[in-house]
Amino acid sequence: LTFGGSSMKTFNVGLVDMLSADTT
């Protein structure tokens, strides 16, 4: 999350971003 940024998302960062896209 700290060093990857939006251009180098790892699996865990992408999964959390996908989950937090909605309010539920």
PDB file of all heavy atoms in Angstrom:
ATOM      1  N   LEU A   1       0.817  -1.208   0.000  1.00  0.00           N
ATOM      2  CA  LEU A   1       0.000   0.000   0.000  1.00  0.00           C
ATOM      3  C   LEU A   1       0.852   1.260   0.000  1.00  0.00           C
ATOM      4  O   LEU A   1       0.534   2.244  -0.669  1.00  0.00           O
ATOM      5  CB  LEU A   1      -0.918  -0.009   1.226  1.00  0.00           C
ATOM      6  CG  LEU A   1      -1.820   1.213   1.416  1.00  0.00           C
ATOM      7  CD1 LEU A   1      -2.849   1.302   0.297  1.00  0.00           C
ATOM      8  CD2 LEU A   1      -2.521   1.152   2.777  1.00  0.00           C
ATOM      9  N   THR A   2       1.976   1.220   0.729  1.00  0.00           N
ATOM     10  CA  THR A   2       2.805   2.414   0.891  1.00  0.00           C
ATOM     11  C   THR A   2       3.669   2.690  -0.337  1.00  0.00           C
ATOM     12  O   THR A   2       3.760   3.830  -0.800  1.00  0.00           O
ATOM     13  CB  THR A   2       3.709   2.261   2.129  1.00  0.00           C
ATOM     14  OG1 THR A   2       2.901   1.998   3.275  1.00  0.00           O
ATOM     15  CG2 THR A   2       4.522   3.528   2.365  1.00  0.00           C
ATOM     16  N   PHE A   3       4.292   1.657  -0.882  1.00  0.00           N
ATOM     17  CA  PHE A   3       5.282   1.858  -1.942  1.00  0.00           C
ATOM     18  C   PHE A   3       4.772   1.490  -3.336  1.00  0.00           C
ATOM     19  O   PHE A   3       5.400   1.853  -4.322  1.00  0.00           O
ATOM     20  CB  PHE A   3       6.537   1.034  -1.649  1.00  0.00           C
ATOM     21  CG  PHE A   3       7.218   1.410  -0.363  1.00  0.00           C
ATOM     22  CD1 PHE A   3       6.983   0.694   0.803  1.00  0.00           C
ATOM     23  CD2 PHE A   3       8.086   2.483  -0.306  1.00  0.00           C
ATOM     24  CE1 PHE A   3       7.605   1.036   1.990  1.00  0.00           C
ATOM     25  CE2 PHE A   3       8.711   2.837   0.868  1.00  0.00           C
ATOM     26  CZ  PHE A   3       8.461   2.116   2.032  1.00  0.00           C
ATOM     27  N   GLY A   4       3.667   0.760  -3.405  1.00  0.00           N
ATOM     28  CA  GLY A   4       3.177   0.333  -4.714  1.00  0.00           C
ATOM     29  C   GLY A   4       2.413   1.415  -5.456  1.00  0.00           C
ATOM     30  O   GLY A   4       2.544   1.553  -6.673  1.00  0.00           O
ATOM     31  N   GLY A   5       1.625   2.167  -4.711  1.00  0.00           N
ATOM     32  CA  GLY A   5       0.824   3.200  -5.364  1.00  0.00           C
ATOM     33  C   GLY A   5      -0.270   2.591  -6.226  1.00  0.00           C
ATOM     34  O   GLY A   5      -0.598   1.408  -6.131  1.00  0.00           O
ATOM     35  N   SER A   6      -0.829   3.388  -7.090  1.00  0.00           N
ATOM     36  CA  SER A   6      -1.913   2.925  -7.958  1.00  0.00           C
ATOM     37  C   SER A   6      -1.405   2.150  -9.161  1.00  0.00           C
ATOM     38  O   SER A   6      -2.156   1.398  -9.781  1.00  0.00           O
ATOM     39  CB  SER A   6      -2.744   4.118  -8.441  1.00  0.00           C
ATOM     40  OG  SER A   6      -1.927   5.043  -9.149  1.00  0.00           O
ATOM     41  N   SER A   7      -0.121   2.291  -9.487  1.00  0.00           N
ATOM     42  CA  SER A   7       0.421   1.642 -10.681  1.00  0.00           C
ATOM     43  C   SER A   7       0.957   0.242 -10.405  1.00  0.00           C
ATOM     44  O   SER A   7       1.182  -0.522 -11.334  1.00  0.00           O
ATOM     45  CB  SER A   7       1.546   2.497 -11.275  1.00  0.00           C
ATOM     46  OG  SER A   7       2.587   2.684 -10.327  1.00  0.00           O
ATOM     47  N   MET A   8       1.189  -0.107  -9.152  1.00  0.00           N
ATOM     48  CA  MET A   8       1.762  -1.414  -8.822  1.00  0.00           C
ATOM     49  C   MET A   8       1.031  -2.003  -7.616  1.00  0.00           C
ATOM     50  O   MET A   8       1.605  -2.277  -6.579  1.00  0.00           O
ATOM     51  CB  MET A   8       3.268  -1.260  -8.536  1.00  0.00           C
ATOM     52  CG  MET A   8       4.036  -2.583  -8.427  1.00  0.00           C
ATOM     53  SD  MET A   8       3.805  -3.702  -9.817  1.00  0.00           S
ATOM     54  CE  MET A   8       4.413  -2.681 -11.173  1.00  0.00           C
ATOM     55  N   LYS A   9      -0.273  -2.181  -7.766  1.00  0.00           N
ATOM     56  CA  LYS A   9      -1.060  -2.759  -6.684  1.00  0.00           C
ATOM     57  C   LYS A   9      -0.794  -4.254  -6.579  1.00  0.00           C
ATOM     58  O   LYS A   9      -0.786  -4.963  -7.586  1.00  0.00           O
ATOM     59  CB  LYS A   9      -2.549  -2.531  -6.930  1.00  0.00           C
ATOM     60  CG  LYS A   9      -3.006  -1.105  -6.715  1.00  0.00           C
ATOM     61  CD  LYS A   9      -4.510  -1.001  -6.858  1.00  0.00           C
ATOM     62  CE  LYS A   9      -4.977   0.425  -6.624  1.00  0.00           C
ATOM     63  NZ  LYS A   9      -6.457   0.538  -6.764  1.00  0.00           N
ATOM     64  N   THR A  10      -0.583  -4.721  -5.367  1.00  0.00           N
ATOM     65  CA  THR A  10      -0.465  -6.152  -5.119  1.00  0.00           C
ATOM     66  C   THR A  10      -1.855  -6.737  -4.905  1.00  0.00           C
ATOM     67  O   THR A  10      -2.853  -6.020  -4.847  1.00  0.00           O
ATOM     68  CB  THR A  10       0.422  -6.427  -3.902  1.00  0.00           C
ATOM     69  OG1 THR A  10      -0.127  -5.749  -2.756  1.00  0.00           O
ATOM     70  CG2 THR A  10       1.840  -5.918  -4.147  1.00  0.00           C
ATOM     71  N   PHE A  11      -1.923  -8.055  -4.768  1.00  0.00           N
ATOM     72  CA  PHE A  11      -3.223  -8.720  -4.661  1.00  0.00           C
ATOM     73  C   PHE A  11      -4.001  -8.243  -3.439  1.00  0.00           C
ATOM     74  O   PHE A  11      -5.194  -7.940  -3.524  1.00  0.00           O
ATOM     75  CB  PHE A  11      -3.009 -10.233  -4.589  1.00  0.00           C
ATOM     76  CG  PHE A  11      -4.285 -10.998  -4.390  1.00  0.00           C
ATOM     77  CD1 PHE A  11      -5.114 -11.273  -5.454  1.00  0.00           C
ATOM     78  CD2 PHE A  11      -4.655 -11.434  -3.125  1.00  0.00           C
ATOM     79  CE1 PHE A  11      -6.306 -11.968  -5.271  1.00  0.00           C
ATOM     80  CE2 PHE A  11      -5.836 -12.127  -2.932  1.00  0.00           C
ATOM     81  CZ  PHE A  11      -6.664 -12.394  -4.006  1.00  0.00           C
ATOM     82  N   ASN A  12      -3.332  -8.173  -2.295  1.00  0.00           N
ATOM     83  CA  ASN A  12      -4.026  -7.773  -1.069  1.00  0.00           C
ATOM     84  C   ASN A  12      -4.541  -6.340  -1.138  1.00  0.00           C
ATOM     85  O   ASN A  12      -5.643  -6.040  -0.681  1.00  0.00           O
ATOM     86  CB  ASN A  12      -3.090  -7.935   0.137  1.00  0.00           C
ATOM     87  CG  ASN A  12      -2.771  -9.391   0.419  1.00  0.00           C
ATOM     88  OD1 ASN A  12      -3.613 -10.259   0.228  1.00  0.00           O
ATOM     89  ND2 ASN A  12      -1.559  -9.667   0.858  1.00  0.00           N
ATOM     90  N   VAL A  13      -3.729  -5.447  -1.712  1.00  0.00           N
ATOM     91  CA  VAL A  13      -4.160  -4.051  -1.850  1.00  0.00           C
ATOM     92  C   VAL A  13      -5.354  -3.957  -2.802  1.00  0.00           C
ATOM     93  O   VAL A  13      -6.326  -3.241  -2.540  1.00  0.00           O
ATOM     94  CB  VAL A  13      -2.996  -3.174  -2.352  1.00  0.00           C
ATOM     95  CG1 VAL A  13      -3.464  -1.739  -2.593  1.00  0.00           C
ATOM     96  CG2 VAL A  13      -1.857  -3.188  -1.349  1.00  0.00           C
ATOM     97  N   GLY A  14      -5.285  -4.683  -3.892  1.00  0.00           N
ATOM     98  CA  GLY A  14      -6.395  -4.675  -4.840  1.00  0.00           C
ATOM     99  C   GLY A  14      -7.670  -5.245  -4.254  1.00  0.00           C
ATOM    100  O   GLY A  14      -8.769  -4.745  -4.526  1.00  0.00           O
ATOM    101  N   LEU A  15      -7.529  -6.298  -3.431  1.00  0.00           N
ATOM    102  CA  LEU A  15      -8.697  -6.905  -2.811  1.00  0.00           C
ATOM    103  C   LEU A  15      -9.365  -5.937  -1.843  1.00  0.00           C
ATOM    104  O   LEU A  15     -10.590  -5.791  -1.829  1.00  0.00           O
ATOM    105  CB  LEU A  15      -8.292  -8.186  -2.077  1.00  0.00           C
ATOM    106  CG  LEU A  15      -9.411  -8.958  -1.381  1.00  0.00           C
ATOM    107  CD1 LEU A  15     -10.443  -9.433  -2.395  1.00  0.00           C
ATOM    108  CD2 LEU A  15      -8.846 -10.150  -0.610  1.00  0.00           C
ATOM    109  N   VAL A  16      -8.581  -5.260  -1.030  1.00  0.00           N
ATOM    110  CA  VAL A  16      -9.136  -4.291  -0.088  1.00  0.00           C
ATOM    111  C   VAL A  16      -9.783  -3.122  -0.835  1.00  0.00           C
ATOM    112  O   VAL A  16     -10.857  -2.647  -0.447  1.00  0.00           O
ATOM    113  CB  VAL A  16      -8.043  -3.778   0.875  1.00  0.00           C
ATOM    114  CG1 VAL A  16      -8.561  -2.638   1.737  1.00  0.00           C
ATOM    115  CG2 VAL A  16      -7.546  -4.915   1.753  1.00  0.00           C
ATOM    116  N   ASP A  17      -9.143  -2.652  -1.899  1.00  0.00           N
ATOM    117  CA  ASP A  17      -9.728  -1.563  -2.676  1.00  0.00           C
ATOM    118  C   ASP A  17     -11.073  -1.977  -3.282  1.00  0.00           C
ATOM    119  O   ASP A  17     -12.010  -1.180  -3.335  1.00  0.00           O
ATOM    120  CB  ASP A  17      -8.771  -1.137  -3.786  1.00  0.00           C
ATOM    121  CG  ASP A  17      -7.575  -0.354  -3.248  1.00  0.00           C
ATOM    122  OD1 ASP A  17      -7.600   0.005  -2.056  1.00  0.00           O
ATOM    123  OD2 ASP A  17      -6.626  -0.124  -4.014  1.00  0.00           O
ATOM    124  N   MET A  18     -11.152  -3.216  -3.743  1.00  0.00           N
ATOM    125  CA  MET A  18     -12.392  -3.698  -4.327  1.00  0.00           C
ATOM    126  C   MET A  18     -13.499  -3.799  -3.282  1.00  0.00           C
ATOM    127  O   MET A  18     -14.662  -3.502  -3.544  1.00  0.00           O
ATOM    128  CB  MET A  18     -12.153  -5.060  -4.978  1.00  0.00           C
ATOM    129  CG  MET A  18     -13.351  -5.617  -5.726  1.00  0.00           C
ATOM    130  SD  MET A  18     -12.903  -7.034  -6.759  1.00  0.00           S
ATOM    131  CE  MET A  18     -12.130  -8.102  -5.540  1.00  0.00           C
ATOM    132  N   LEU A  19     -13.122  -4.188  -2.072  1.00  0.00           N
ATOM    133  CA  LEU A  19     -14.116  -4.318  -1.002  1.00  0.00           C
ATOM    134  C   LEU A  19     -14.592  -2.965  -0.502  1.00  0.00           C
ATOM    135  O   LEU A  19     -15.738  -2.812  -0.100  1.00  0.00           O
ATOM    136  CB  LEU A  19     -13.525  -5.115   0.166  1.00  0.00           C
ATOM    137  CG  LEU A  19     -13.235  -6.597  -0.113  1.00  0.00           C
ATOM    138  CD1 LEU A  19     -12.528  -7.234   1.069  1.00  0.00           C
ATOM    139  CD2 LEU A  19     -14.518  -7.343  -0.422  1.00  0.00           C
ATOM    140  N   SER A  20     -13.688  -1.991  -0.502  1.00  0.00           N
ATOM    141  CA  SER A  20     -14.033  -0.676   0.029  1.00  0.00           C
ATOM    142  C   SER A  20     -14.666   0.234  -1.023  1.00  0.00           C
ATOM    143  O   SER A  20     -14.913   1.402  -0.768  1.00  0.00           O
ATOM    144  CB  SER A  20     -12.778   0.004   0.598  1.00  0.00           C
ATOM    145  OG  SER A  20     -11.787   0.165  -0.412  1.00  0.00           O
ATOM    146  N   ALA A  21     -14.908  -0.309  -2.215  1.00  0.00           N
ATOM    147  CA  ALA A  21     -15.510   0.523  -3.258  1.00  0.00           C
ATOM    148  C   ALA A  21     -16.974   0.831  -2.946  1.00  0.00           C
ATOM    149  O   ALA A  21     -17.486   1.875  -3.314  1.00  0.00           O
ATOM    150  CB  ALA A  21     -15.398  -0.176  -4.609  1.00  0.00           C
ATOM    151  N   ASP A  22     -17.630  -0.104  -2.240  1.00  0.00           N
ATOM    152  CA  ASP A  22     -19.030   0.100  -1.878  1.00  0.00           C
ATOM    153  C   ASP A  22     -19.135   0.381  -0.383  1.00  0.00           C
ATOM    154  O   ASP A  22     -18.216   0.139   0.393  1.00  0.00           O
ATOM    155  CB  ASP A  22     -19.860  -1.130  -2.248  1.00  0.00           C
ATOM    156  CG  ASP A  22     -19.788  -1.426  -3.743  1.00  0.00           C
ATOM    157  OD1 ASP A  22     -19.732  -0.462  -4.520  1.00  0.00           O
ATOM    158  OD2 ASP A  22     -19.764  -2.617  -4.103  1.00  0.00           O
ATOM    159  N   THR A  23     -20.298   0.867   0.009  1.00  0.00           N
ATOM    160  CA  THR A  23     -20.514   1.154   1.431  1.00  0.00           C
ATOM    161  C   THR A  23     -20.768  -0.110   2.235  1.00  0.00           C
ATOM    162  O   THR A  23     -20.540  -0.137   3.438  1.00  0.00           O
ATOM    163  CB  THR A  23     -21.717   2.102   1.587  1.00  0.00           C
ATOM    164  OG1 THR A  23     -22.873   1.520   0.956  1.00  0.00           O
ATOM    165  CG2 THR A  23     -21.418   3.462   0.955  1.00  0.00           C
ATOM    166  N   THR A  24     -21.202  -1.177   1.576  1.00  0.00           N
ATOM    167  CA  THR A  24     -21.457  -2.446   2.261  1.00  0.00           C
ATOM    168  C   THR A  24     -20.385  -3.456   1.884  1.00  0.00           C
ATOM    169  O   THR A  24     -19.853  -3.431   0.775  1.00  0.00           O
ATOM    170  CB  THR A  24     -22.834  -3.004   1.888  1.00  0.00           C
ATOM    171  OG1 THR A  24     -22.899  -3.177   0.466  1.00  0.00           O
ATOM    172  CG2 THR A  24     -23.933  -2.049   2.328  1.00  0.00           C
TER     173      THR A  24
END
